[in-house]
Structure formats: structure tokens, C-alpha cells
Amino acid sequence: MTEAQPVLRLLVVDDHEVVRQGLVALLDRREGFHVIAEAGTVAESIEAARRFQPDIVIMDVRLPDGSGIEACREIRAELPLTRVVMLTSYPDEEAVLSAIVAGASGYLLKQVRARDLVAALEAVGRGESLLDPAVTEKVLERVRRIATGSRTDELAQLTAQEQKILLLVAEGKTNKEIASEIFLSDKTVKNYVSSILSKLNLERRAQAAAFVAKHRIDRGG
């Protein structure tokens, strides 16, 4: 007998009740999924995540009391085993980069077909990361150009190691993952990230992604 696949416990976050109920109805009847909670705001989503500790949060980017990206960052900080998939109507490259830095495992457009959404959630449940094809190539191209292209004065201030870490942050890696990849301690990586943000005059990791996006737009990329 083949071993049964574990059921993925889902939290669905969207401020539009019709959209939210549609997602719940679609996913809850699928084998391998169980919607354990739903929410319509940033505050509700963070509270529900703490309470139910879902395997995956399906998170709308635009919420009445703030950004789903901020909610993603808070949830991932508190619950590192919980994965977050951003769901939005708009292929906004800057938001995509911010979501990756915030720790999101995926970024899908609401126009996604039901079967593709299911496949995406199953992939995230297996520990994979994904972006909607509509946004993937532009974002990856932007990250590549930062690695190889010319830099602004602010970026020129970064050491080679800091530039490398900035790109790893842009890929959505945690400090621990970065530390493992470049053979440094978590604390050292944390200090590097702080230095990067300071040199770029930024306060948060998500702003680093936005800075990167803005830099590429300004450069005509």
C-alpha cells in the first residue's frame, strides 16, 4: 500500500468575502487540503496563524489594514515552518521582490486556474518555491542584472560579500540559510544585513527589495 499524503492545513486570507469563500470552497473539497481558518485583514491573519499554525497561508497582497507582505514577514518570523503563498490581481514586480524577501514561498495571480493553484500549493507543501510565470522572468532578470550590471552610488558602497548577501536576501533566503550557504554564523550574516540596510539608508529587508526594484526601473531595466 502506498502511504497516504499528509493533509495540508490552510489559512485563507482575503478581504473580499466572495473571493475568500470561493477559495475555501475550492480547496476544502480537494483531497490533501483542509482549510482550518480564514481571515480578512493583516491583524486577523497574524492572530489566526498564531492560533492554528497552518502549513500554508494563502495571503492577499492588498488588505484593508496594511500589506499582506508585512503580514507574511511577521508570520514567517514567528512560525518559520509555516509557508506563505501570495495571491494578487496584479503582477507588480516590486511587490514580488518584497514578498520574496519577506519569506513568501510563492506569488500567484488570482487569474490562476484552479488546477494550477492546487498544483502550486502541493509544490509549496513539498518545500518548493514558485512564482507565477507572468512575473518570474522579469524578476529573475532584474536580480541577474544586479549581480552583473552597473550599480548606483549606494550599491557601490557595498563590499563584494555584501552584494552577494543582498542577492541571497532577494532570493528569499533566511539569515540561517544564507549563513549555511556562505559558511558564516547566523550572527555574522545578521550583522551583514544590518550593514547593507544602513548603507542603503533602509529600515527593513522588504525595503531592500523595493530599492533593488526601483534601481532597475531607474536604470531602464
C-alpha atoms as a PDB file:
ATOM      1  CA  MET A   1       0.000   0.000   0.000  1.00  0.00           C
ATOM      2  CA  THR A   2       1.195   3.490  -0.781  1.00  0.00           C
ATOM      3  CA  GLU A   3       1.447   5.831   2.152  1.00  0.00           C
ATOM      4  CA  ALA A   4      -1.284   8.482   2.258  1.00  0.00           C
ATOM      5  CA  GLN A   5      -0.114  12.017   1.588  1.00  0.00           C
ATOM      6  CA  PRO A   6      -0.313  14.272   4.672  1.00  0.00           C
ATOM      7  CA  VAL A   7      -3.185  16.742   4.614  1.00  0.00           C
ATOM      8  CA  LEU A   8      -2.031  20.361   4.198  1.00  0.00           C
ATOM      9  CA  ARG A   9      -3.702  22.679   6.701  1.00  0.00           C
ATOM     10  CA  LEU A  10      -4.538  26.029   5.094  1.00  0.00           C
ATOM     11  CA  LEU A  11      -5.291  29.571   6.264  1.00  0.00           C
ATOM     12  CA  VAL A  12      -7.028  31.653   3.563  1.00  0.00           C
ATOM     13  CA  VAL A  13      -6.612  35.461   3.804  1.00  0.00           C
ATOM     14  CA  ASP A  14      -8.567  37.844   1.541  1.00  0.00           C
ATOM     15  CA  ASP A  15     -10.622  40.919   2.408  1.00  0.00           C
ATOM     16  CA  HIS A  16     -13.207  40.187  -0.304  1.00  0.00           C
ATOM     17  CA  GLU A  17     -15.622  37.700   1.214  1.00  0.00           C
ATOM     18  CA  VAL A  18     -16.753  36.296  -2.139  1.00  0.00           C
ATOM     19  CA  VAL A  19     -13.153  35.621  -3.208  1.00  0.00           C
ATOM     20  CA  ARG A  20     -12.281  34.159   0.183  1.00  0.00           C
ATOM     21  CA  GLN A  21     -15.328  31.884   0.276  1.00  0.00           C
ATOM     22  CA  GLY A  22     -14.597  30.788  -3.290  1.00  0.00           C
ATOM     23  CA  LEU A  23     -11.062  29.780  -2.342  1.00  0.00           C
ATOM     24  CA  VAL A  24     -12.290  27.967   0.758  1.00  0.00           C
ATOM     25  CA  ALA A  25     -14.921  26.076  -1.252  1.00  0.00           C
ATOM     26  CA  LEU A  26     -12.408  25.190  -3.971  1.00  0.00           C
ATOM     27  CA  LEU A  27      -9.664  23.964  -1.673  1.00  0.00           C
ATOM     28  CA  ASP A  28     -11.567  22.372   1.185  1.00  0.00           C
ATOM     29  CA  ARG A  29     -13.144  19.771  -1.076  1.00  0.00           C
ATOM     30  CA  ARG A  30      -9.829  18.722  -2.566  1.00  0.00           C
ATOM     31  CA  GLU A  31      -8.125  15.661  -1.208  1.00  0.00           C
ATOM     32  CA  GLY A  32      -4.977  16.609   0.648  1.00  0.00           C
ATOM     33  CA  PHE A  33      -6.200  20.053   1.760  1.00  0.00           C
ATOM     34  CA  HIS A  34      -8.078  21.226   4.835  1.00  0.00           C
ATOM     35  CA  VAL A  35      -8.929  24.910   5.373  1.00  0.00           C
ATOM     36  CA  ILE A  36      -8.596  25.393   9.124  1.00  0.00           C
ATOM     37  CA  ALA A  37      -9.178  29.170   9.252  1.00  0.00           C
ATOM     38  CA  GLU A  38      -9.820  32.288   7.202  1.00  0.00           C
ATOM     39  CA  ALA A  39      -9.147  35.983   7.715  1.00  0.00           C
ATOM     40  CA  GLY A  40      -9.820  39.320   6.042  1.00  0.00           C
ATOM     41  CA  THR A  41      -7.171  41.643   7.495  1.00  0.00           C
ATOM     42  CA  VAL A  42      -3.478  41.705   8.409  1.00  0.00           C
ATOM     43  CA  ALA A  43      -4.310  41.608  12.137  1.00  0.00           C
ATOM     44  CA  GLU A  44      -6.736  38.699  11.734  1.00  0.00           C
ATOM     45  CA  SER A  45      -4.275  36.750   9.605  1.00  0.00           C
ATOM     46  CA  ILE A  46      -1.453  37.057  12.150  1.00  0.00           C
ATOM     47  CA  GLU A  47      -3.782  36.103  15.005  1.00  0.00           C
ATOM     48  CA  ALA A  48      -5.171  33.109  13.083  1.00  0.00           C
ATOM     49  CA  ALA A  49      -1.674  31.943  12.122  1.00  0.00           C
ATOM     50  CA  ARG A  50      -0.558  32.068  15.762  1.00  0.00           C
ATOM     51  CA  ARG A  51      -3.642  30.202  16.903  1.00  0.00           C
ATOM     52  CA  PHE A  52      -3.870  27.483  14.249  1.00  0.00           C
ATOM     53  CA  GLN A  53      -0.259  27.272  12.985  1.00  0.00           C
ATOM     54  CA  PRO A  54      -1.227  26.287   9.418  1.00  0.00           C
ATOM     55  CA  ASP A  55       1.099  24.556   6.989  1.00  0.00           C
ATOM     56  CA  ILE A  56       0.358  27.161   4.283  1.00  0.00           C
ATOM     57  CA  VAL A  57      -1.154  30.650   4.342  1.00  0.00           C
ATOM     58  CA  ILE A  58      -2.758  31.873   1.108  1.00  0.00           C
ATOM     59  CA  MET A  59      -2.323  35.621   1.509  1.00  0.00           C
ATOM     60  CA  ASP A  60      -3.838  38.502  -0.455  1.00  0.00           C
ATOM     61  CA  VAL A  61      -1.256  41.249  -1.050  1.00  0.00           C
ATOM     62  CA  ARG A  62      -3.645  44.189  -0.525  1.00  0.00           C
ATOM     63  CA  LEU A  63      -5.580  44.192   2.743  1.00  0.00           C
ATOM     64  CA  PRO A  64      -7.627  46.962   4.413  1.00  0.00           C
ATOM     65  CA  ASP A  65      -5.252  47.470   7.347  1.00  0.00           C
ATOM     66  CA  GLY A  66      -1.948  47.068   5.533  1.00  0.00           C
ATOM     67  CA  SER A  67       0.048  44.825   3.253  1.00  0.00           C
ATOM     68  CA  GLY A  68      -0.111  41.062   3.121  1.00  0.00           C
ATOM     69  CA  ILE A  69       3.661  41.216   2.631  1.00  0.00           C
ATOM     70  CA  GLU A  70       4.077  42.708   6.122  1.00  0.00           C
ATOM     71  CA  ALA A  71       1.754  40.001   7.475  1.00  0.00           C
ATOM     72  CA  CYS A  72       3.868  37.390   5.684  1.00  0.00           C
ATOM     73  CA  ARG A  73       7.038  38.720   7.322  1.00  0.00           C
ATOM     74  CA  GLU A  74       5.514  38.611  10.811  1.00  0.00           C
ATOM     75  CA  ILE A  75       4.062  35.142  10.360  1.00  0.00           C
ATOM     76  CA  ARG A  76       7.322  33.756   8.960  1.00  0.00           C
ATOM     77  CA  ALA A  77       9.311  35.333  11.800  1.00  0.00           C
ATOM     78  CA  GLU A  78       7.107  33.686  14.432  1.00  0.00           C
ATOM     79  CA  LEU A  79       6.305  30.457  12.581  1.00  0.00           C
ATOM     80  CA  PRO A  80       9.238  29.516  10.334  1.00  0.00           C
ATOM     81  CA  LEU A  81       7.627  26.190   9.389  1.00  0.00           C
ATOM     82  CA  THR A  82       4.519  27.936   8.036  1.00  0.00           C
ATOM     83  CA  ARG A  83       4.804  28.744   4.339  1.00  0.00           C
ATOM     84  CA  VAL A  84       3.090  31.729   2.728  1.00  0.00           C
ATOM     85  CA  VAL A  85       1.807  31.985  -0.847  1.00  0.00           C
ATOM     86  CA  MET A  86       0.901  35.494  -2.004  1.00  0.00           C
ATOM     87  CA  LEU A  87      -2.199  35.760  -4.199  1.00  0.00           C
ATOM     88  CA  THR A  88      -2.878  39.012  -6.046  1.00  0.00           C
ATOM     89  CA  SER A  89      -4.633  40.521  -9.048  1.00  0.00           C
ATOM     90  CA  TYR A  90      -1.552  42.486 -10.113  1.00  0.00           C
ATOM     91  CA  PRO A  91       1.855  41.282 -11.402  1.00  0.00           C
ATOM     92  CA  ASP A  92       3.720  44.033  -9.514  1.00  0.00           C
ATOM     93  CA  GLU A  93       7.463  43.312  -9.756  1.00  0.00           C
ATOM     94  CA  GLU A  94       8.339  45.469  -6.767  1.00  0.00           C
ATOM     95  CA  ALA A  95       5.770  43.645  -4.624  1.00  0.00           C
ATOM     96  CA  VAL A  96       7.103  40.307  -5.851  1.00  0.00           C
ATOM     97  CA  LEU A  97      10.627  41.157  -4.734  1.00  0.00           C
ATOM     98  CA  SER A  98       9.337  42.437  -1.394  1.00  0.00           C
ATOM     99  CA  ALA A  99       7.324  39.246  -0.917  1.00  0.00           C
ATOM    100  CA  ILE A 100      10.371  37.077  -1.637  1.00  0.00           C
ATOM    101  CA  VAL A 101      12.450  38.999   0.889  1.00  0.00           C
ATOM    102  CA  ALA A 102       9.604  38.700   3.419  1.00  0.00           C
ATOM    103  CA  GLY A 103       9.902  34.944   3.104  1.00  0.00           C
ATOM    104  CA  ALA A 104       6.993  34.075   0.816  1.00  0.00           C
ATOM    105  CA  SER A 105       7.265  30.677  -0.878  1.00  0.00           C
ATOM    106  CA  GLY A 106       5.157  31.667  -3.873  1.00  0.00           C
ATOM    107  CA  TYR A 107       3.497  34.548  -5.708  1.00  0.00           C
ATOM    108  CA  LEU A 108       0.465  33.753  -7.862  1.00  0.00           C
ATOM    109  CA  LEU A 109      -2.035  35.838  -9.788  1.00  0.00           C
ATOM    110  CA  LYS A 110      -5.723  35.443  -8.936  1.00  0.00           C
ATOM    111  CA  GLN A 111      -6.363  34.633 -12.583  1.00  0.00           C
ATOM    112  CA  VAL A 112      -4.598  31.289 -11.980  1.00  0.00           C
ATOM    113  CA  ARG A 113      -6.589  28.204 -12.987  1.00  0.00           C
ATOM    114  CA  ALA A 114      -7.939  26.075 -10.166  1.00  0.00           C
ATOM    115  CA  ARG A 115      -5.803  23.064 -11.060  1.00  0.00           C
ATOM    116  CA  ASP A 116      -2.675  25.234 -11.279  1.00  0.00           C
ATOM    117  CA  LEU A 117      -3.402  26.741  -7.866  1.00  0.00           C
ATOM    118  CA  VAL A 118      -3.808  23.256  -6.408  1.00  0.00           C
ATOM    119  CA  ALA A 119      -0.554  22.104  -8.035  1.00  0.00           C
ATOM    120  CA  ALA A 120       1.239  25.212  -6.749  1.00  0.00           C
ATOM    121  CA  LEU A 121       0.064  24.642  -3.175  1.00  0.00           C
ATOM    122  CA  GLU A 122       1.070  20.997  -3.370  1.00  0.00           C
ATOM    123  CA  ALA A 123       4.525  22.081  -4.569  1.00  0.00           C
ATOM    124  CA  VAL A 124       4.882  24.565  -1.708  1.00  0.00           C
ATOM    125  CA  GLY A 125       3.726  21.838   0.673  1.00  0.00           C
ATOM    126  CA  ARG A 126       6.665  19.736  -0.558  1.00  0.00           C
ATOM    127  CA  GLY A 127       9.025  22.581   0.285  1.00  0.00           C
ATOM    128  CA  GLU A 128       9.371  24.045  -3.204  1.00  0.00           C
ATOM    129  CA  SER A 129       9.129  27.736  -4.082  1.00  0.00           C
ATOM    130  CA  LEU A 130       7.451  29.177  -7.128  1.00  0.00           C
ATOM    131  CA  LEU A 131       6.436  32.350  -8.908  1.00  0.00           C
ATOM    132  CA  ASP A 132       3.658  32.799 -11.415  1.00  0.00           C
ATOM    133  CA  PRO A 133       5.134  32.580 -14.948  1.00  0.00           C
ATOM    134  CA  ALA A 134       3.702  36.043 -15.642  1.00  0.00           C
ATOM    135  CA  VAL A 135       6.183  37.608 -13.216  1.00  0.00           C
ATOM    136  CA  THR A 136       9.031  35.112 -12.882  1.00  0.00           C
ATOM    137  CA  GLU A 137      11.214  36.056 -15.830  1.00  0.00           C
ATOM    138  CA  LYS A 138      11.171  39.825 -15.258  1.00  0.00           C
ATOM    139  CA  VAL A 139      12.030  39.423 -11.598  1.00  0.00           C
ATOM    140  CA  LEU A 140      14.825  36.936 -12.241  1.00  0.00           C
ATOM    141  CA  GLU A 141      16.241  39.160 -14.968  1.00  0.00           C
ATOM    142  CA  ARG A 142      16.287  42.084 -12.570  1.00  0.00           C
ATOM    143  CA  VAL A 143      18.124  40.058  -9.939  1.00  0.00           C
ATOM    144  CA  ARG A 144      20.635  38.835 -12.541  1.00  0.00           C
ATOM    145  CA  ARG A 145      21.344  42.373 -13.696  1.00  0.00           C
ATOM    146  CA  ILE A 146      22.036  43.460 -10.145  1.00  0.00           C
ATOM    147  CA  ALA A 147      24.599  40.644  -9.930  1.00  0.00           C
ATOM    148  CA  THR A 148      26.363  41.610 -13.157  1.00  0.00           C
ATOM    149  CA  GLY A 149      25.358  45.126 -14.151  1.00  0.00           C
ATOM    150  CA  SER A 150      26.395  48.617 -13.176  1.00  0.00           C
ATOM    151  CA  ARG A 151      25.465  49.933  -9.756  1.00  0.00           C
ATOM    152  CA  THR A 152      24.252  53.147  -8.230  1.00  0.00           C
ATOM    153  CA  ASP A 153      26.437  55.022  -5.759  1.00  0.00           C
ATOM    154  CA  GLU A 154      24.636  53.362  -2.849  1.00  0.00           C
ATOM    155  CA  LEU A 155      25.159  49.876  -4.246  1.00  0.00           C
ATOM    156  CA  ALA A 156      28.797  50.728  -4.988  1.00  0.00           C
ATOM    157  CA  GLN A 157      29.290  51.206  -1.224  1.00  0.00           C
ATOM    158  CA  LEU A 158      28.613  47.522  -0.635  1.00  0.00           C
ATOM    159  CA  THR A 159      31.518  45.106  -0.425  1.00  0.00           C
ATOM    160  CA  ALA A 160      31.557  42.063  -2.690  1.00  0.00           C
ATOM    161  CA  GLN A 161      30.364  39.938   0.231  1.00  0.00           C
ATOM    162  CA  GLU A 162      27.527  42.368   0.993  1.00  0.00           C
ATOM    163  CA  GLN A 163      26.446  42.370  -2.654  1.00  0.00           C
ATOM    164  CA  LYS A 164      26.361  38.588  -2.581  1.00  0.00           C
ATOM    165  CA  ILE A 165      24.286  38.579   0.603  1.00  0.00           C
ATOM    166  CA  LEU A 166      21.921  41.195  -0.844  1.00  0.00           C
ATOM    167  CA  LEU A 167      21.181  38.845  -3.750  1.00  0.00           C
ATOM    168  CA  LEU A 168      20.595  35.913  -1.407  1.00  0.00           C
ATOM    169  CA  VAL A 169      18.184  38.070   0.590  1.00  0.00           C
ATOM    170  CA  ALA A 170      16.430  38.959  -2.681  1.00  0.00           C
ATOM    171  CA  GLU A 171      16.029  35.234  -3.340  1.00  0.00           C
ATOM    172  CA  GLY A 172      14.034  34.979  -0.114  1.00  0.00           C
ATOM    173  CA  LYS A 173      16.640  33.141   1.917  1.00  0.00           C
ATOM    174  CA  THR A 174      16.636  33.491   5.696  1.00  0.00           C
ATOM    175  CA  ASN A 175      19.737  34.558   7.631  1.00  0.00           C
ATOM    176  CA  LYS A 176      20.224  30.930   8.659  1.00  0.00           C
ATOM    177  CA  GLU A 177      20.033  29.706   5.054  1.00  0.00           C
ATOM    178  CA  ILE A 178      22.435  32.423   3.912  1.00  0.00           C
ATOM    179  CA  ALA A 179      24.836  31.543   6.738  1.00  0.00           C
ATOM    180  CA  SER A 180      24.830  27.905   5.663  1.00  0.00           C
ATOM    181  CA  GLU A 181      25.405  28.802   2.009  1.00  0.00           C
ATOM    182  CA  ILE A 182      28.367  31.126   2.536  1.00  0.00           C
ATOM    183  CA  PHE A 183      29.798  29.418   5.642  1.00  0.00           C
ATOM    184  CA  LEU A 184      29.280  32.189   8.186  1.00  0.00           C
ATOM    185  CA  SER A 185      27.482  32.269  11.523  1.00  0.00           C
ATOM    186  CA  ASP A 186      23.867  33.432  11.750  1.00  0.00           C
ATOM    187  CA  LYS A 187      25.024  36.393  13.833  1.00  0.00           C
ATOM    188  CA  THR A 188      27.613  37.433  11.244  1.00  0.00           C
ATOM    189  CA  VAL A 189      25.003  37.309   8.477  1.00  0.00           C
ATOM    190  CA  LYS A 190      22.615  39.335  10.629  1.00  0.00           C
ATOM    191  CA  ASN A 191      25.354  41.961  11.060  1.00  0.00           C
ATOM    192  CA  TYR A 192      25.982  41.994   7.298  1.00  0.00           C
ATOM    193  CA  VAL A 193      22.261  42.512   6.596  1.00  0.00           C
ATOM    194  CA  SER A 194      22.177  45.379   9.110  1.00  0.00           C
ATOM    195  CA  SER A 195      25.213  46.922   7.419  1.00  0.00           C
ATOM    196  CA  ILE A 196      23.587  46.585   3.982  1.00  0.00           C
ATOM    197  CA  LEU A 197      20.385  48.262   5.154  1.00  0.00           C
ATOM    198  CA  SER A 198      22.380  51.025   6.831  1.00  0.00           C
ATOM    199  CA  LYS A 199      24.448  51.723   3.713  1.00  0.00           C
ATOM    200  CA  LEU A 200      21.303  51.835   1.570  1.00  0.00           C
ATOM    201  CA  ASN A 201      19.542  54.053   4.160  1.00  0.00           C
ATOM    202  CA  LEU A 202      16.780  51.470   4.627  1.00  0.00           C
ATOM    203  CA  GLU A 203      14.980  50.201   7.710  1.00  0.00           C
ATOM    204  CA  ARG A 204      13.668  46.765   6.720  1.00  0.00           C
ATOM    205  CA  ARG A 205      14.544  43.831   4.467  1.00  0.00           C
ATOM    206  CA  ALA A 206      11.453  44.423   2.325  1.00  0.00           C
ATOM    207  CA  GLN A 207      12.651  47.951   1.578  1.00  0.00           C
ATOM    208  CA  ALA A 208      15.876  46.431   0.266  1.00  0.00           C
ATOM    209  CA  ALA A 209      13.862  44.505  -2.319  1.00  0.00           C
ATOM    210  CA  ALA A 210      11.915  47.633  -3.207  1.00  0.00           C
ATOM    211  CA  PHE A 211      15.192  49.548  -3.537  1.00  0.00           C
ATOM    212  CA  VAL A 212      16.510  46.858  -5.859  1.00  0.00           C
ATOM    213  CA  ALA A 213      13.365  47.023  -7.966  1.00  0.00           C
ATOM    214  CA  LYS A 214      13.416  50.811  -8.121  1.00  0.00           C
ATOM    215  CA  HIS A 215      17.102  50.778  -9.051  1.00  0.00           C
ATOM    216  CA  ARG A 216      16.412  48.513 -12.031  1.00  0.00           C
ATOM    217  CA  ILE A 217      13.464  50.625 -13.163  1.00  0.00           C
ATOM    218  CA  ASP A 218      15.565  53.781 -12.948  1.00  0.00           C
ATOM    219  CA  ARG A 219      18.290  52.076 -14.984  1.00  0.00           C
ATOM    220  CA  GLY A 220      15.785  51.276 -17.686  1.00  0.00           C
ATOM    221  CA  GLY A 221      15.642  47.628 -16.648  1.00  0.00           C
END
